[in-house]
Amino acid sequence: MSENKAMVMAAGLGTRLRPLTDLISKPMAPIVNKPVMEHIIELLVKHGFTDVVCNLHWFPDAIRDHFRDGSRFGLHISYSFEETLLGTAGGVKNVEGFFGGKDFLVVSGDALTDIDLTEVFQFHKKKGGIATLVLTEVDEPSQFGVVLVDNDKKITGFQEKPLAGEEKSNLANSGIYVFNNEIFNYIPGKSFYDFGKNVFPDLLEKGITYYGFKHKHYWNDVGNLEEYQKGNFDALERRVKLNIPGNQIRDGVWIGKGCRIQEDVVIIPPVCIGDNCTIKKGAKLFGPIILGDNTIVDERAVLYRGIKWGSGYIGKDASLIGAIIGYDTKIKDKASVLEKAVIGSKSVIGDGIIIHPSVKIMSNEVIK
């Protein structure tokens, strides 16, 4: 597989994850303290990919600065910056020369999955179609575009977000594709063009054969805040196979380098604590909990089912219950952030303030 090349799509805006994506791009949103795209890069390495190109648009420098040339991950990464978005197919067309005329993989940089890419490639080679779409069985087809396949796994049609009860399939397009180089004959250059809306329907119309591969692994498109939280907790609960950073000190508890945990701290797994964190005495962490690097949890703070990105702190007697908090945000003494509330990065929640369930607070806000 070593000659196979891949493209990681990382140009999207991630608007449905706001306020978490106010100041970062969606591929950089952390899942168990690593950007979601880093988990994709590790999956590519695991399946023998050595050469990756990545398209960028929104906060491109953060992605470049984190991944650089890819060598610390064990592959080579190059970048394609899109001044104006070109769409999924247009973005791939833009780097046509990179693939050197061979079959190649395209994968979203903002989905969470442990799909067996080797198996997908083998299926593609065996079938010999111009494309293979990786398909996921979903419980609610109305949330997705679903794909219709015949007994030979040939794709016969699509339904875009069918109404409940009207779906003809429960197979969603996962945004993971293997293409034969001939696909470029069906994508115009230098214009916005989309696989789902343009290329795939066009191939059907022209009677060009392509296939669907139904996988049995984990896949989450991290499409909204609820799915983002679920992806993190699924990773902690080992429903998706990926590398959780830190030292596993006991079952379900990972702790990073340079952490200080004082006496009388209660930790109920699963819990993942990043590097250089301080958990002060009497604090209680009831998993699933994820704390990013350099976080301070002050005395007697109570955390339950929460995600806190790096830096910032959670004050004395404060509580974080079922909420998600961006990086460098400070939750001050006796403040409470409740179920499904989401607070952007670099914000401050003042002493004693209660943030009610499902409230969203943008980045750089001060609530007094």
Protein backbone atom coordinates (compact mmCIF):
# COMPACT_ATOMS: atom_id res chain seq x y z
CA MET A 1 0.00 0.00 0.00
CA SER A 2 2.96 2.31 0.44
CA GLU A 3 2.62 3.91 -3.01
CA ASN A 4 -0.92 5.01 -2.21
CA LYS A 5 -1.51 8.69 -1.65
CA ALA A 6 -4.30 10.37 0.27
CA MET A 7 -5.95 13.76 0.48
CA VAL A 8 -7.25 15.03 3.79
CA MET A 9 -10.05 17.58 3.37
CA ALA A 10 -9.48 20.31 5.96
CA ALA A 11 -10.85 23.49 4.38
CA GLY A 12 -14.35 23.53 5.91
CA LEU A 13 -15.63 26.25 8.25
CA GLY A 14 -17.18 24.04 10.93
CA THR A 15 -20.04 26.49 11.51
CA ARG A 16 -22.20 23.89 13.27
CA LEU A 17 -19.57 23.54 15.99
CA ARG A 18 -19.66 27.20 16.92
CA PRO A 19 -18.84 28.72 19.37
CA LEU A 20 -16.03 26.12 19.66
CA THR A 21 -14.86 26.89 16.11
CA ASP A 22 -14.94 30.71 16.45
CA LEU A 23 -11.16 30.81 16.76
CA ILE A 24 -10.03 27.48 15.26
CA SER A 25 -10.93 25.33 12.27
CA LYS A 26 -12.96 22.16 12.77
CA PRO A 27 -10.09 19.70 12.01
CA MET A 28 -8.26 21.24 14.99
CA ALA A 29 -11.14 20.62 17.43
CA PRO A 30 -9.67 18.20 19.98
CA ILE A 31 -10.98 14.70 20.57
CA VAL A 32 -9.38 13.36 23.79
CA ASN A 33 -6.87 16.25 23.69
CA LYS A 34 -5.70 15.70 20.10
CA PRO A 35 -7.01 17.52 17.04
CA VAL A 36 -9.57 15.29 15.30
CA MET A 37 -7.41 15.50 12.16
CA GLU A 38 -4.44 14.06 14.08
CA HIS A 39 -6.46 10.89 14.68
CA ILE A 40 -7.08 10.73 10.89
CA ILE A 41 -3.35 11.18 10.20
CA GLU A 42 -2.54 8.36 12.66
CA LEU A 43 -5.10 6.14 10.91
CA LEU A 44 -3.44 6.86 7.53
CA VAL A 45 -0.02 5.97 8.95
CA LYS A 46 -1.42 2.76 10.41
CA HIS A 47 -2.61 1.74 6.92
CA GLY A 48 0.70 2.45 5.20
CA PHE A 49 0.05 5.86 3.62
CA THR A 50 3.28 7.85 3.32
CA ASP A 51 2.23 10.90 1.31
CA VAL A 52 -0.69 13.18 2.14
CA VAL A 53 -1.94 16.48 0.75
CA CYS A 54 -4.24 18.63 2.82
CA ASN A 55 -6.41 21.52 1.58
CA LEU A 56 -6.74 24.56 3.85
CA HIS A 57 -8.91 27.65 4.04
CA TRP A 58 -10.18 28.58 7.54
CA PHE A 59 -7.39 29.33 10.10
CA PRO A 60 -4.85 27.55 7.83
CA ASP A 61 -1.78 28.50 9.92
CA ALA A 62 -2.99 26.60 12.99
CA ILE A 63 -3.17 23.39 10.93
CA ARG A 64 0.21 24.02 9.25
CA ASP A 65 1.89 24.90 12.54
CA HIS A 66 0.60 21.76 14.23
CA PHE A 67 1.27 19.19 11.50
CA ARG A 68 4.18 20.87 9.66
CA ASP A 69 5.74 18.46 7.14
CA GLY A 70 4.22 15.42 8.89
CA SER A 71 7.56 13.83 9.79
CA ARG A 72 6.80 13.55 13.51
CA PHE A 73 3.77 11.44 12.56
CA GLY A 74 5.71 9.23 10.16
CA LEU A 75 4.53 10.52 6.77
CA HIS A 76 4.94 13.51 4.46
CA ILE A 77 2.28 16.26 4.38
CA SER A 78 1.98 18.99 1.77
CA TYR A 79 -0.65 21.74 1.68
CA SER A 80 -2.99 23.37 -0.80
CA PHE A 81 -4.38 26.71 0.34
CA GLU A 82 -7.76 27.68 -1.17
CA GLU A 83 -8.25 31.45 -1.27
CA THR A 84 -11.93 30.83 -2.06
CA LEU A 85 -13.45 27.43 -1.26
CA LEU A 86 -13.49 25.05 -4.23
CA GLY A 87 -15.88 22.41 -2.84
CA THR A 88 -14.96 18.78 -2.15
CA ALA A 89 -14.36 17.83 -5.79
CA GLY A 90 -12.87 21.18 -6.81
CA GLY A 91 -10.38 20.93 -3.94
CA VAL A 92 -9.25 17.48 -5.12
CA LYS A 93 -9.05 18.62 -8.78
CA ASN A 94 -6.83 21.49 -7.63
CA VAL A 95 -4.10 19.01 -6.58
CA GLU A 96 -4.57 16.51 -9.44
CA GLY A 97 -0.81 16.41 -10.13
CA PHE A 98 -0.08 15.19 -6.60
CA PHE A 99 -1.60 11.74 -7.23
CA GLY A 100 0.70 10.81 -10.10
CA GLY A 101 -2.01 9.03 -12.12
CA LYS A 102 -2.65 6.35 -9.47
CA ASP A 103 -5.72 5.39 -7.43
CA PHE A 104 -5.99 7.53 -4.31
CA LEU A 105 -7.96 8.05 -1.09
CA VAL A 106 -9.92 11.13 -0.01
CA VAL A 107 -10.90 11.46 3.66
CA SER A 108 -12.47 14.26 5.77
CA GLY A 109 -10.08 15.82 8.24
CA ASP A 110 -12.89 16.44 10.69
CA ALA A 111 -14.56 13.04 11.10
CA LEU A 112 -13.76 10.51 13.79
CA THR A 113 -13.30 6.93 12.60
CA ASP A 114 -11.23 3.74 12.87
CA ILE A 115 -12.29 2.37 9.46
CA ASP A 116 -9.99 -0.27 7.92
CA LEU A 117 -8.63 1.73 4.97
CA THR A 118 -6.64 -1.26 3.70
CA GLU A 119 -9.86 -3.22 3.33
CA VAL A 120 -11.52 -0.30 1.52
CA PHE A 121 -8.64 -0.12 -0.98
CA GLN A 122 -8.76 -3.88 -1.60
CA PHE A 123 -12.51 -3.68 -2.27
CA HIS A 124 -11.92 -0.81 -4.71
CA LYS A 125 -9.23 -2.72 -6.63
CA LYS A 126 -11.39 -5.84 -6.79
CA LYS A 127 -14.46 -4.02 -8.08
CA GLY A 128 -12.52 -1.91 -10.57
CA GLY A 129 -15.00 1.00 -10.62
CA ILE A 130 -14.08 4.64 -11.08
CA ALA A 131 -14.89 5.30 -7.41
CA THR A 132 -15.70 3.60 -4.11
CA LEU A 133 -17.75 5.44 -1.49
CA VAL A 134 -17.44 4.29 2.11
CA LEU A 135 -20.95 3.93 3.56
CA THR A 136 -22.09 3.92 7.18
CA GLU A 137 -25.34 2.46 8.51
CA VAL A 138 -27.19 5.22 10.36
CA ASP A 139 -30.17 5.17 12.71
CA GLU A 140 -31.66 8.43 11.44
CA PRO A 141 -31.32 8.68 7.65
CA SER A 142 -33.21 12.01 7.72
CA GLN A 143 -30.03 13.62 9.09
CA PHE A 144 -27.88 12.47 6.16
CA GLY A 145 -27.74 12.02 2.41
CA VAL A 146 -28.34 8.28 1.94
CA VAL A 147 -27.02 6.04 -0.82
CA LEU A 148 -28.84 3.26 -2.69
CA VAL A 149 -26.84 0.18 -3.76
CA ASP A 150 -27.76 -3.02 -5.63
CA ASN A 151 -26.74 -6.59 -4.74
CA ASP A 152 -23.38 -6.16 -6.44
CA LYS A 153 -22.68 -3.05 -4.23
CA LYS A 154 -23.06 -0.85 -7.30
CA ILE A 155 -24.45 2.61 -6.48
CA THR A 156 -27.84 3.18 -8.09
CA GLY A 157 -29.08 6.43 -6.54
CA PHE A 158 -29.17 8.96 -3.71
CA GLN A 159 -31.70 10.52 -1.37
CA GLU A 160 -30.79 13.81 0.28
CA LYS A 161 -32.02 13.87 3.91
CA PRO A 162 -35.20 11.84 3.26
CA LEU A 163 -38.21 12.43 5.51
CA ALA A 164 -38.65 9.85 8.27
CA GLY A 165 -40.42 6.81 6.82
CA GLU A 166 -39.56 7.76 3.22
CA GLU A 167 -35.96 6.62 3.24
CA LYS A 168 -35.03 3.93 0.72
CA SER A 169 -31.74 3.18 2.48
CA ASN A 170 -30.02 3.64 5.83
CA LEU A 171 -26.53 3.94 4.31
CA ALA A 172 -24.96 7.37 4.67
CA ASN A 173 -22.08 8.72 2.63
CA SER A 174 -19.14 8.87 5.07
CA GLY A 175 -17.11 11.37 3.04
CA ILE A 176 -14.35 8.75 2.55
CA TYR A 177 -13.65 7.82 -1.07
CA VAL A 178 -11.19 5.87 -3.19
CA PHE A 179 -10.89 7.12 -6.78
CA ASN A 180 -9.42 5.91 -10.00
CA ASN A 181 -7.46 8.72 -11.66
CA GLU A 182 -10.07 8.86 -14.43
CA ILE A 183 -12.34 10.72 -12.01
CA PHE A 184 -10.56 13.93 -13.04
CA ASN A 185 -12.26 13.74 -16.45
CA TYR A 186 -15.53 14.51 -14.64
CA ILE A 187 -14.40 17.47 -12.52
CA PRO A 188 -13.96 20.89 -14.15
CA GLY A 189 -10.89 22.88 -13.07
CA LYS A 190 -10.77 26.15 -11.13
CA SER A 191 -14.42 26.18 -10.07
CA PHE A 192 -16.54 25.21 -7.08
CA TYR A 193 -17.59 21.58 -7.55
CA ASP A 194 -18.94 19.07 -5.08
CA PHE A 195 -18.77 15.24 -5.07
CA GLY A 196 -22.21 14.74 -3.54
CA LYS A 197 -24.10 17.39 -5.50
CA ASN A 198 -22.27 17.30 -8.84
CA VAL A 199 -19.86 14.43 -9.51
CA PHE A 200 -21.76 11.39 -8.20
CA PRO A 201 -25.15 12.25 -9.78
CA ASP A 202 -23.33 13.07 -13.05
CA LEU A 203 -21.61 9.65 -13.09
CA LEU A 204 -24.98 7.94 -12.57
CA GLU A 205 -26.51 9.93 -15.41
CA LYS A 206 -23.65 8.96 -17.72
CA GLY A 207 -23.97 5.29 -16.72
CA ILE A 208 -20.45 5.12 -15.25
CA THR A 209 -20.12 2.35 -12.68
CA TYR A 210 -18.99 3.03 -9.12
CA TYR A 211 -19.47 1.21 -5.84
CA GLY A 212 -20.38 1.51 -2.18
CA PHE A 213 -18.37 -0.20 0.56
CA LYS A 214 -20.34 -0.74 3.78
CA HIS A 215 -17.98 -0.76 6.75
CA LYS A 216 -18.54 -2.16 10.23
CA HIS A 217 -16.29 0.20 12.18
CA TYR A 218 -16.89 3.42 14.10
CA TRP A 219 -17.71 6.64 12.26
CA ASN A 220 -18.89 9.99 13.58
CA ASP A 221 -18.99 13.04 11.32
CA VAL A 222 -18.65 15.33 14.39
CA GLY A 223 -21.40 17.30 12.65
CA ASN A 224 -22.70 19.22 15.67
CA LEU A 225 -21.94 19.89 19.33
CA GLU A 226 -23.81 16.81 20.52
CA GLU A 227 -21.83 14.56 18.13
CA TYR A 228 -18.62 16.31 19.18
CA GLN A 229 -19.29 15.46 22.83
CA LYS A 230 -20.31 11.92 21.88
CA GLY A 231 -17.11 11.43 19.86
CA ASN A 232 -14.98 12.42 22.85
CA PHE A 233 -16.86 10.18 25.25
CA ASP A 234 -16.88 7.27 22.77
CA ALA A 235 -13.10 7.59 22.51
CA LEU A 236 -12.75 7.55 26.32
CA GLU A 237 -15.07 4.55 26.54
CA ARG A 238 -13.04 2.78 23.79
CA ARG A 239 -15.93 2.56 21.32
CA VAL A 240 -13.57 3.91 18.68
CA LYS A 241 -10.00 2.61 18.48
CA LEU A 242 -7.53 5.47 18.67
CA ASN A 243 -4.48 6.54 20.65
CA ILE A 244 -5.38 8.39 23.82
CA PRO A 245 -2.47 10.59 24.95
CA GLY A 246 -1.05 10.35 28.45
CA ASN A 247 -0.03 7.55 30.75
CA GLN A 248 -2.81 5.11 31.62
CA ILE A 249 -2.39 4.90 35.39
CA ARG A 250 -5.36 2.58 35.84
CA ASP A 251 -8.28 1.32 33.84
CA GLY A 252 -9.93 4.29 32.11
CA VAL A 253 -7.65 6.99 33.59
CA TRP A 254 -5.03 8.73 31.40
CA ILE A 255 -2.79 11.41 32.87
CA GLY A 256 -0.34 13.59 30.93
CA LYS A 257 3.20 14.68 31.80
CA GLY A 258 3.92 17.10 34.64
CA CYS A 259 0.52 16.88 36.34
CA ARG A 260 0.02 17.63 40.02
CA ILE A 261 -2.90 16.00 41.75
CA GLN A 262 -3.33 16.98 45.40
CA GLU A 263 -4.83 14.97 48.26
CA ASP A 264 -8.51 14.08 48.56
CA VAL A 265 -9.10 14.33 44.82
CA VAL A 266 -11.76 11.91 43.58
CA ILE A 267 -11.31 10.55 40.03
CA ILE A 268 -14.00 8.21 38.69
CA PRO A 269 -13.12 6.89 35.20
CA PRO A 270 -13.14 7.37 32.30
CA VAL A 271 -11.00 10.49 32.64
CA CYS A 272 -8.29 11.95 30.39
CA ILE A 273 -6.12 14.72 31.82
CA GLY A 274 -3.63 16.55 29.58
CA ASP A 275 -0.04 17.65 30.34
CA ASN A 276 0.89 20.07 33.15
CA CYS A 277 -2.53 20.14 34.82
CA THR A 278 -3.10 20.87 38.48
CA ILE A 279 -6.04 19.33 40.33
CA LYS A 280 -6.31 20.84 43.80
CA LYS A 281 -7.49 19.18 46.97
CA GLY A 282 -11.06 18.05 47.33
CA ALA A 283 -11.84 18.37 43.62
CA LYS A 284 -14.11 15.67 42.19
CA LEU A 285 -13.91 14.39 38.61
CA PHE A 286 -16.73 12.04 37.64
CA GLY A 287 -16.08 10.68 34.13
CA PRO A 288 -16.38 10.88 31.29
CA ILE A 289 -14.17 13.95 31.73
CA ILE A 290 -11.52 15.41 29.42
CA LEU A 291 -9.22 18.20 30.61
CA GLY A 292 -6.82 19.82 28.14
CA ASP A 293 -3.16 20.68 28.82
CA ASN A 294 -2.30 23.36 31.41
CA THR A 295 -5.72 23.38 33.08
CA ILE A 296 -6.06 24.23 36.76
CA VAL A 297 -8.99 22.76 38.69
CA ASP A 298 -9.25 24.54 42.02
CA GLU A 299 -10.29 23.19 45.43
CA ARG A 300 -13.61 21.35 45.73
CA ALA A 301 -14.60 21.96 42.11
CA VAL A 302 -16.99 19.29 40.80
CA LEU A 303 -16.77 18.08 37.20
CA TYR A 304 -19.18 15.58 35.67
CA ARG A 305 -19.49 14.52 32.00
CA GLY A 306 -17.52 17.52 30.82
CA ILE A 307 -14.95 18.59 28.24
CA LYS A 308 -12.54 21.42 29.03
CA TRP A 309 -10.00 22.41 26.37
CA GLY A 310 -6.49 23.47 27.41
CA SER A 311 -5.37 26.41 29.60
CA GLY A 312 -7.64 28.52 31.76
CA TYR A 313 -9.09 27.19 34.97
CA ILE A 314 -12.10 26.04 36.93
CA GLY A 315 -12.41 27.90 40.23
CA LYS A 316 -13.01 26.89 43.83
CA ASP A 317 -16.39 25.22 44.45
CA ALA A 318 -17.25 25.70 40.75
CA SER A 319 -19.15 23.02 38.86
CA LEU A 320 -19.04 21.83 35.27
CA ILE A 321 -21.91 19.44 34.53
CA GLY A 322 -22.30 17.99 31.01
CA ALA A 323 -20.83 21.11 29.39
CA ILE A 324 -18.09 21.90 26.86
CA ILE A 325 -15.63 24.74 27.45
CA GLY A 326 -13.10 26.15 24.94
CA TYR A 327 -9.41 26.86 25.53
CA ASP A 328 -8.09 29.55 27.85
CA THR A 329 -11.54 30.08 29.40
CA LYS A 330 -11.82 30.81 33.10
CA ILE A 331 -14.75 29.56 35.17
CA LYS A 332 -14.45 31.49 38.43
CA ASP A 333 -15.22 30.52 42.03
CA LYS A 334 -18.68 29.04 42.76
CA ALA A 335 -19.75 29.44 39.10
CA SER A 336 -21.76 26.62 37.48
CA VAL A 337 -21.93 25.59 33.84
CA LEU A 338 -24.78 23.17 33.28
CA GLU A 339 -25.87 20.39 30.91
CA LYS A 340 -25.23 21.00 27.16
CA ALA A 341 -24.00 24.56 27.75
CA VAL A 342 -21.09 25.47 25.48
CA ILE A 343 -18.63 28.27 26.15
CA GLY A 344 -16.21 29.46 23.48
CA SER A 345 -12.49 30.10 24.00
CA LYS A 346 -10.85 32.95 25.95
CA SER A 347 -14.05 33.78 27.84
CA VAL A 348 -14.54 34.47 31.54
CA ILE A 349 -17.50 33.33 33.64
CA GLY A 350 -17.50 35.44 36.80
CA ASP A 351 -17.81 34.38 40.45
CA GLY A 352 -21.09 32.67 41.30
CA ILE A 353 -22.55 32.96 37.78
CA ILE A 354 -24.83 30.10 36.65
CA ILE A 355 -24.84 29.25 32.95
CA HIS A 356 -28.10 27.43 32.34
CA PRO A 357 -28.50 24.23 30.26
CA SER A 358 -28.02 24.51 26.48
CA VAL A 359 -26.85 28.16 26.63
CA LYS A 360 -24.10 29.05 24.13
CA ILE A 361 -21.56 31.76 24.88
CA MET A 362 -19.25 32.98 22.13
CA SER A 363 -15.47 33.28 22.43
CA ASN A 364 -13.86 36.33 24.07
CA GLU A 365 -16.93 37.07 26.24
CA VAL A 366 -16.84 38.18 29.88
CA ILE A 367 -19.95 37.28 31.90
CA LYS A 368 -20.06 39.14 35.21
